[in-house]
Amino acid sequence: MTDARAALLAAYLERREDLLRFFTLRLRSAAAAEDLVQDIYLRVSAHPADAEVRNAPGYLYRLGSNLMLDRLRGERRAAVRDRDWRDSNRTVVGGDEVAEEPAADAVVAARQRLRLIVAILADLPPLTQQVFRMHKFDGLSHAEVAKALSISRSAVEKHVMQVLRQLEARLP
């Protein structure tokens, strides 16, 4: 193995620990440095076998520095993008950020109401349930539901009204 890639791989293996220390100091993170040194290996292993490198150690450090700068620029762009998104998607009142989410008690009440609605629907005849689901959940018109189930439009209206009356009578 006398090609350029083999020489670079040999230089990488010989200086791996030095590269790791060098980039740990610059990134202030051993984990980030380990990722970067691994990226150097991936680039070196993909290096063309016929592309000559005169100074393998210098190439490795330059490659690592370029990868580090690319990563830092990407993180900086992501931070700016996230900040801009957060700034455009939040409500500030009197200098304080206001939560957009509903209050916890409102969420609990809505879940309880939904459970009750599901229970009320489960008590109804299967055809009535199907008509109601097709109309309210699938968004089909009365005529479309009637055609799909081979029943009259009047029957669809009666089934929907039956559900609505049950909901009105049993919901608080």
C-alpha atoms as a PDB file:
ATOM      1  CA  MET A   1       0.000   0.000   0.000  1.00  0.00           C
ATOM      2  CA  THR A   2       2.044   2.906  -1.230  1.00  0.00           C
ATOM      3  CA  ASP A   3      -0.778   5.083  -2.475  1.00  0.00           C
ATOM      4  CA  ALA A   4      -1.602   8.506  -1.034  1.00  0.00           C
ATOM      5  CA  ARG A   5      -4.631   7.236   0.870  1.00  0.00           C
ATOM      6  CA  ALA A   6      -2.547   4.604   2.655  1.00  0.00           C
ATOM      7  CA  ALA A   7       0.014   7.241   3.629  1.00  0.00           C
ATOM      8  CA  LEU A   8      -2.733   9.501   4.951  1.00  0.00           C
ATOM      9  CA  LEU A   9      -4.333   6.655   6.908  1.00  0.00           C
ATOM     10  CA  ALA A  10      -0.964   5.777   8.416  1.00  0.00           C
ATOM     11  CA  ALA A  11      -0.409   9.427   9.397  1.00  0.00           C
ATOM     12  CA  TYR A  12      -3.927   9.569  10.837  1.00  0.00           C
ATOM     13  CA  LEU A  13      -3.405   6.455  12.946  1.00  0.00           C
ATOM     14  CA  GLU A  14      -0.032   7.732  14.117  1.00  0.00           C
ATOM     15  CA  ARG A  15      -1.415  11.149  15.143  1.00  0.00           C
ATOM     16  CA  ARG A  16      -4.961  10.260  16.181  1.00  0.00           C
ATOM     17  CA  GLU A  17      -4.378  10.963  19.888  1.00  0.00           C
ATOM     18  CA  ASP A  18      -2.641  14.262  19.093  1.00  0.00           C
ATOM     19  CA  LEU A  19      -5.549  15.271  16.853  1.00  0.00           C
ATOM     20  CA  LEU A  20      -7.977  14.370  19.605  1.00  0.00           C
ATOM     21  CA  ARG A  21      -6.130  16.517  22.191  1.00  0.00           C
ATOM     22  CA  PHE A  22      -5.737  19.394  19.727  1.00  0.00           C
ATOM     23  CA  PHE A  23      -9.440  19.546  18.855  1.00  0.00           C
ATOM     24  CA  THR A  24     -10.597  18.879  22.434  1.00  0.00           C
ATOM     25  CA  LEU A  25      -8.825  22.092  23.459  1.00  0.00           C
ATOM     26  CA  ARG A  26     -10.378  24.063  20.620  1.00  0.00           C
ATOM     27  CA  LEU A  27     -13.902  22.682  20.930  1.00  0.00           C
ATOM     28  CA  ARG A  28     -13.838  22.416  24.743  1.00  0.00           C
ATOM     29  CA  SER A  29     -15.551  19.063  24.449  1.00  0.00           C
ATOM     30  CA  ALA A  30     -14.020  15.618  24.285  1.00  0.00           C
ATOM     31  CA  ALA A  31     -17.156  14.202  22.668  1.00  0.00           C
ATOM     32  CA  ALA A  32     -17.209  16.862  19.946  1.00  0.00           C
ATOM     33  CA  ALA A  33     -13.498  16.340  19.333  1.00  0.00           C
ATOM     34  CA  GLU A  34     -14.028  12.579  19.062  1.00  0.00           C
ATOM     35  CA  ASP A  35     -16.750  13.160  16.460  1.00  0.00           C
ATOM     36  CA  LEU A  36     -14.514  15.529  14.547  1.00  0.00           C
ATOM     37  CA  VAL A  37     -11.539  13.137  14.556  1.00  0.00           C
ATOM     38  CA  GLN A  38     -13.875  10.408  13.326  1.00  0.00           C
ATOM     39  CA  ASP A  39     -14.995  12.736  10.518  1.00  0.00           C
ATOM     40  CA  ILE A  40     -11.339  13.268   9.618  1.00  0.00           C
ATOM     41  CA  TYR A  41     -10.940   9.492   9.323  1.00  0.00           C
ATOM     42  CA  LEU A  42     -13.993   9.244   7.073  1.00  0.00           C
ATOM     43  CA  ARG A  43     -12.644  11.953   4.779  1.00  0.00           C
ATOM     44  CA  VAL A  44      -9.177  10.397   4.696  1.00  0.00           C
ATOM     45  CA  SER A  45     -10.564   6.932   3.925  1.00  0.00           C
ATOM     46  CA  ALA A  46     -12.496   8.447   0.997  1.00  0.00           C
ATOM     47  CA  HIS A  47      -9.431  10.342  -0.263  1.00  0.00           C
ATOM     48  CA  PRO A  48      -8.497   9.416  -3.854  1.00  0.00           C
ATOM     49  CA  ALA A  49      -5.636   6.911  -3.909  1.00  0.00           C
ATOM     50  CA  ASP A  50      -3.796   8.814  -6.637  1.00  0.00           C
ATOM     51  CA  ALA A  51      -4.064  12.322  -5.091  1.00  0.00           C
ATOM     52  CA  GLU A  52      -0.649  13.086  -3.632  1.00  0.00           C
ATOM     53  CA  VAL A  53      -0.364  14.876  -0.278  1.00  0.00           C
ATOM     54  CA  ARG A  54       3.062  16.298   0.483  1.00  0.00           C
ATOM     55  CA  ASN A  55       2.560  17.021   4.187  1.00  0.00           C
ATOM     56  CA  ALA A  56       0.196  14.422   5.665  1.00  0.00           C
ATOM     57  CA  PRO A  57       0.166  15.811   9.251  1.00  0.00           C
ATOM     58  CA  GLY A  58      -0.474  19.343   7.995  1.00  0.00           C
ATOM     59  CA  TYR A  59      -3.239  18.025   5.747  1.00  0.00           C
ATOM     60  CA  LEU A  60      -4.887  16.231   8.681  1.00  0.00           C
ATOM     61  CA  TYR A  61      -4.842  19.323  10.904  1.00  0.00           C
ATOM     62  CA  ARG A  62      -6.077  21.566   8.066  1.00  0.00           C
ATOM     63  CA  LEU A  63      -8.846  19.092   7.226  1.00  0.00           C
ATOM     64  CA  GLY A  64      -9.866  18.933  10.892  1.00  0.00           C
ATOM     65  CA  SER A  65      -9.812  22.726  11.213  1.00  0.00           C
ATOM     66  CA  ASN A  66     -11.993  23.110   8.125  1.00  0.00           C
ATOM     67  CA  LEU A  67     -14.446  20.504   9.417  1.00  0.00           C
ATOM     68  CA  MET A  68     -14.500  22.221  12.805  1.00  0.00           C
ATOM     69  CA  LEU A  69     -15.210  25.617  11.231  1.00  0.00           C
ATOM     70  CA  ASP A  70     -17.971  24.109   9.070  1.00  0.00           C
ATOM     71  CA  ARG A  71     -19.539  22.559  12.166  1.00  0.00           C
ATOM     72  CA  LEU A  72     -19.318  25.793  14.160  1.00  0.00           C
ATOM     73  CA  ARG A  73     -20.823  27.803  11.288  1.00  0.00           C
ATOM     74  CA  GLY A  74     -23.647  25.284  11.015  1.00  0.00           C
ATOM     75  CA  GLU A  75     -24.332  25.485  14.738  1.00  0.00           C
ATOM     76  CA  ARG A  76     -24.307  29.281  14.569  1.00  0.00           C
ATOM     77  CA  ARG A  77     -26.750  29.269  11.619  1.00  0.00           C
ATOM     78  CA  ALA A  78     -28.998  26.805  13.475  1.00  0.00           C
ATOM     79  CA  ALA A  79     -28.958  28.985  16.593  1.00  0.00           C
ATOM     80  CA  VAL A  80     -29.902  32.083  14.570  1.00  0.00           C
ATOM     81  CA  ARG A  81     -32.618  30.160  12.718  1.00  0.00           C
ATOM     82  CA  ASP A  82     -34.021  28.796  16.002  1.00  0.00           C
ATOM     83  CA  ARG A  83     -33.929  32.226  17.648  1.00  0.00           C
ATOM     84  CA  ASP A  84     -35.677  33.829  14.670  1.00  0.00           C
ATOM     85  CA  TRP A  85     -38.348  31.122  14.693  1.00  0.00           C
ATOM     86  CA  ARG A  86     -38.844  31.472  18.437  1.00  0.00           C
ATOM     87  CA  ASP A  87     -39.088  35.263  18.126  1.00  0.00           C
ATOM     88  CA  SER A  88     -41.695  35.024  15.374  1.00  0.00           C
ATOM     89  CA  ASN A  89     -43.737  32.310  17.103  1.00  0.00           C
ATOM     90  CA  ARG A  90     -44.192  33.595  20.613  1.00  0.00           C
ATOM     91  CA  THR A  91     -46.285  36.158  22.391  1.00  0.00           C
ATOM     92  CA  VAL A  92     -44.695  38.791  24.595  1.00  0.00           C
ATOM     93  CA  VAL A  93     -46.823  40.862  26.945  1.00  0.00           C
ATOM     94  CA  GLY A  94     -45.155  43.562  29.032  1.00  0.00           C
ATOM     95  CA  GLY A  95     -41.712  42.123  28.317  1.00  0.00           C
ATOM     96  CA  ASP A  96     -42.696  38.660  29.561  1.00  0.00           C
ATOM     97  CA  GLU A  97     -43.184  35.664  27.299  1.00  0.00           C
ATOM     98  CA  VAL A  98     -46.676  34.222  27.495  1.00  0.00           C
ATOM     99  CA  ALA A  99     -47.220  30.510  26.947  1.00  0.00           C
ATOM    100  CA  GLU A 100     -49.238  29.666  23.843  1.00  0.00           C
ATOM    101  CA  GLU A 101     -50.410  26.339  25.259  1.00  0.00           C
ATOM    102  CA  PRO A 102     -53.780  26.034  26.951  1.00  0.00           C
ATOM    103  CA  ALA A 103     -53.840  25.867  30.732  1.00  0.00           C
ATOM    104  CA  ALA A 104     -53.373  22.416  32.246  1.00  0.00           C
ATOM    105  CA  ASP A 105     -56.862  22.385  33.767  1.00  0.00           C
ATOM    106  CA  ALA A 106     -58.371  23.204  30.360  1.00  0.00           C
ATOM    107  CA  VAL A 107     -56.462  20.303  28.799  1.00  0.00           C
ATOM    108  CA  VAL A 108     -57.683  17.905  31.502  1.00  0.00           C
ATOM    109  CA  ALA A 109     -61.276  19.130  31.103  1.00  0.00           C
ATOM    110  CA  ALA A 110     -61.097  18.732  27.309  1.00  0.00           C
ATOM    111  CA  ARG A 111     -59.749  15.182  27.639  1.00  0.00           C
ATOM    112  CA  GLN A 112     -62.525  14.271  30.075  1.00  0.00           C
ATOM    113  CA  ARG A 113     -65.131  15.737  27.730  1.00  0.00           C
ATOM    114  CA  LEU A 114     -63.661  13.793  24.815  1.00  0.00           C
ATOM    115  CA  ARG A 115     -63.792  10.533  26.808  1.00  0.00           C
ATOM    116  CA  LEU A 116     -67.446  11.223  27.583  1.00  0.00           C
ATOM    117  CA  ILE A 117     -68.234  11.931  23.914  1.00  0.00           C
ATOM    118  CA  VAL A 118     -66.524   8.695  22.869  1.00  0.00           C
ATOM    119  CA  ALA A 119     -68.527   6.788  25.498  1.00  0.00           C
ATOM    120  CA  ILE A 120     -71.796   8.371  24.317  1.00  0.00           C
ATOM    121  CA  LEU A 121     -71.013   7.458  20.703  1.00  0.00           C
ATOM    122  CA  ALA A 122     -70.149   3.887  21.715  1.00  0.00           C
ATOM    123  CA  ASP A 123     -73.645   3.492  23.217  1.00  0.00           C
ATOM    124  CA  LEU A 124     -75.327   4.303  19.894  1.00  0.00           C
ATOM    125  CA  PRO A 125     -76.305   1.763  17.203  1.00  0.00           C
ATOM    126  CA  PRO A 126     -73.488   0.900  14.753  1.00  0.00           C
ATOM    127  CA  LEU A 127     -75.180   2.507  11.741  1.00  0.00           C
ATOM    128  CA  THR A 128     -75.742   5.738  13.660  1.00  0.00           C
ATOM    129  CA  GLN A 129     -72.091   5.755  14.721  1.00  0.00           C
ATOM    130  CA  GLN A 130     -70.962   5.167  11.143  1.00  0.00           C
ATOM    131  CA  VAL A 131     -73.184   7.911   9.734  1.00  0.00           C
ATOM    132  CA  PHE A 132     -71.974  10.388  12.360  1.00  0.00           C
ATOM    133  CA  ARG A 133     -68.292   9.550  11.814  1.00  0.00           C
ATOM    134  CA  MET A 134     -68.581   9.829   8.044  1.00  0.00           C
ATOM    135  CA  HIS A 135     -70.355  13.176   8.278  1.00  0.00           C
ATOM    136  CA  LYS A 136     -68.513  14.869  11.163  1.00  0.00           C
ATOM    137  CA  PHE A 137     -65.066  13.262  11.081  1.00  0.00           C
ATOM    138  CA  ASP A 138     -64.603  12.402   7.406  1.00  0.00           C
ATOM    139  CA  GLY A 139     -66.325  15.601   6.281  1.00  0.00           C
ATOM    140  CA  LEU A 140     -68.788  13.996   3.898  1.00  0.00           C
ATOM    141  CA  SER A 141     -72.044  15.768   3.117  1.00  0.00           C
ATOM    142  CA  HIS A 142     -75.383  14.185   3.980  1.00  0.00           C
ATOM    143  CA  ALA A 143     -75.863  13.265   0.305  1.00  0.00           C
ATOM    144  CA  GLU A 144     -72.400  11.644   0.108  1.00  0.00           C
ATOM    145  CA  VAL A 145     -73.020   9.613   3.279  1.00  0.00           C
ATOM    146  CA  ALA A 146     -76.429   8.535   1.992  1.00  0.00           C
ATOM    147  CA  LYS A 147     -74.945   7.397  -1.310  1.00  0.00           C
ATOM    148  CA  ALA A 148     -72.046   5.550   0.370  1.00  0.00           C
ATOM    149  CA  LEU A 149     -74.348   3.682   2.770  1.00  0.00           C
ATOM    150  CA  SER A 150     -77.244   3.231   0.328  1.00  0.00           C
ATOM    151  CA  ILE A 151     -79.710   4.998   2.608  1.00  0.00           C
ATOM    152  CA  SER A 152     -81.823   8.091   2.100  1.00  0.00           C
ATOM    153  CA  ARG A 153     -80.573  11.568   2.835  1.00  0.00           C
ATOM    154  CA  SER A 154     -83.422  11.916   5.304  1.00  0.00           C
ATOM    155  CA  ALA A 155     -82.154   8.835   7.179  1.00  0.00           C
ATOM    156  CA  VAL A 156     -78.676  10.397   7.387  1.00  0.00           C
ATOM    157  CA  GLU A 157     -80.159  13.584   8.831  1.00  0.00           C
ATOM    158  CA  LYS A 158     -82.137  11.563  11.408  1.00  0.00           C
ATOM    159  CA  HIS A 159     -79.031   9.611  12.501  1.00  0.00           C
ATOM    160  CA  VAL A 160     -77.005  12.818  12.869  1.00  0.00           C
ATOM    161  CA  MET A 161     -79.810  14.475  14.816  1.00  0.00           C
ATOM    162  CA  GLN A 162     -80.045  11.408  17.088  1.00  0.00           C
ATOM    163  CA  VAL A 163     -76.357  11.736  17.953  1.00  0.00           C
ATOM    164  CA  LEU A 164     -76.603  15.474  18.525  1.00  0.00           C
ATOM    165  CA  ARG A 165     -79.616  15.018  20.826  1.00  0.00           C
ATOM    166  CA  GLN A 166     -77.736  12.359  22.824  1.00  0.00           C
ATOM    167  CA  LEU A 167     -74.699  14.618  23.141  1.00  0.00           C
ATOM    168  CA  GLU A 168     -76.831  17.572  24.205  1.00  0.00           C
ATOM    169  CA  ALA A 169     -78.691  15.489  26.790  1.00  0.00           C
ATOM    170  CA  ARG A 170     -75.662  13.763  28.291  1.00  0.00           C
ATOM    171  CA  LEU A 171     -72.903  16.349  28.154  1.00  0.00           C
ATOM    172  CA  PRO A 172     -72.598  18.762  31.089  1.00  0.00           C
END
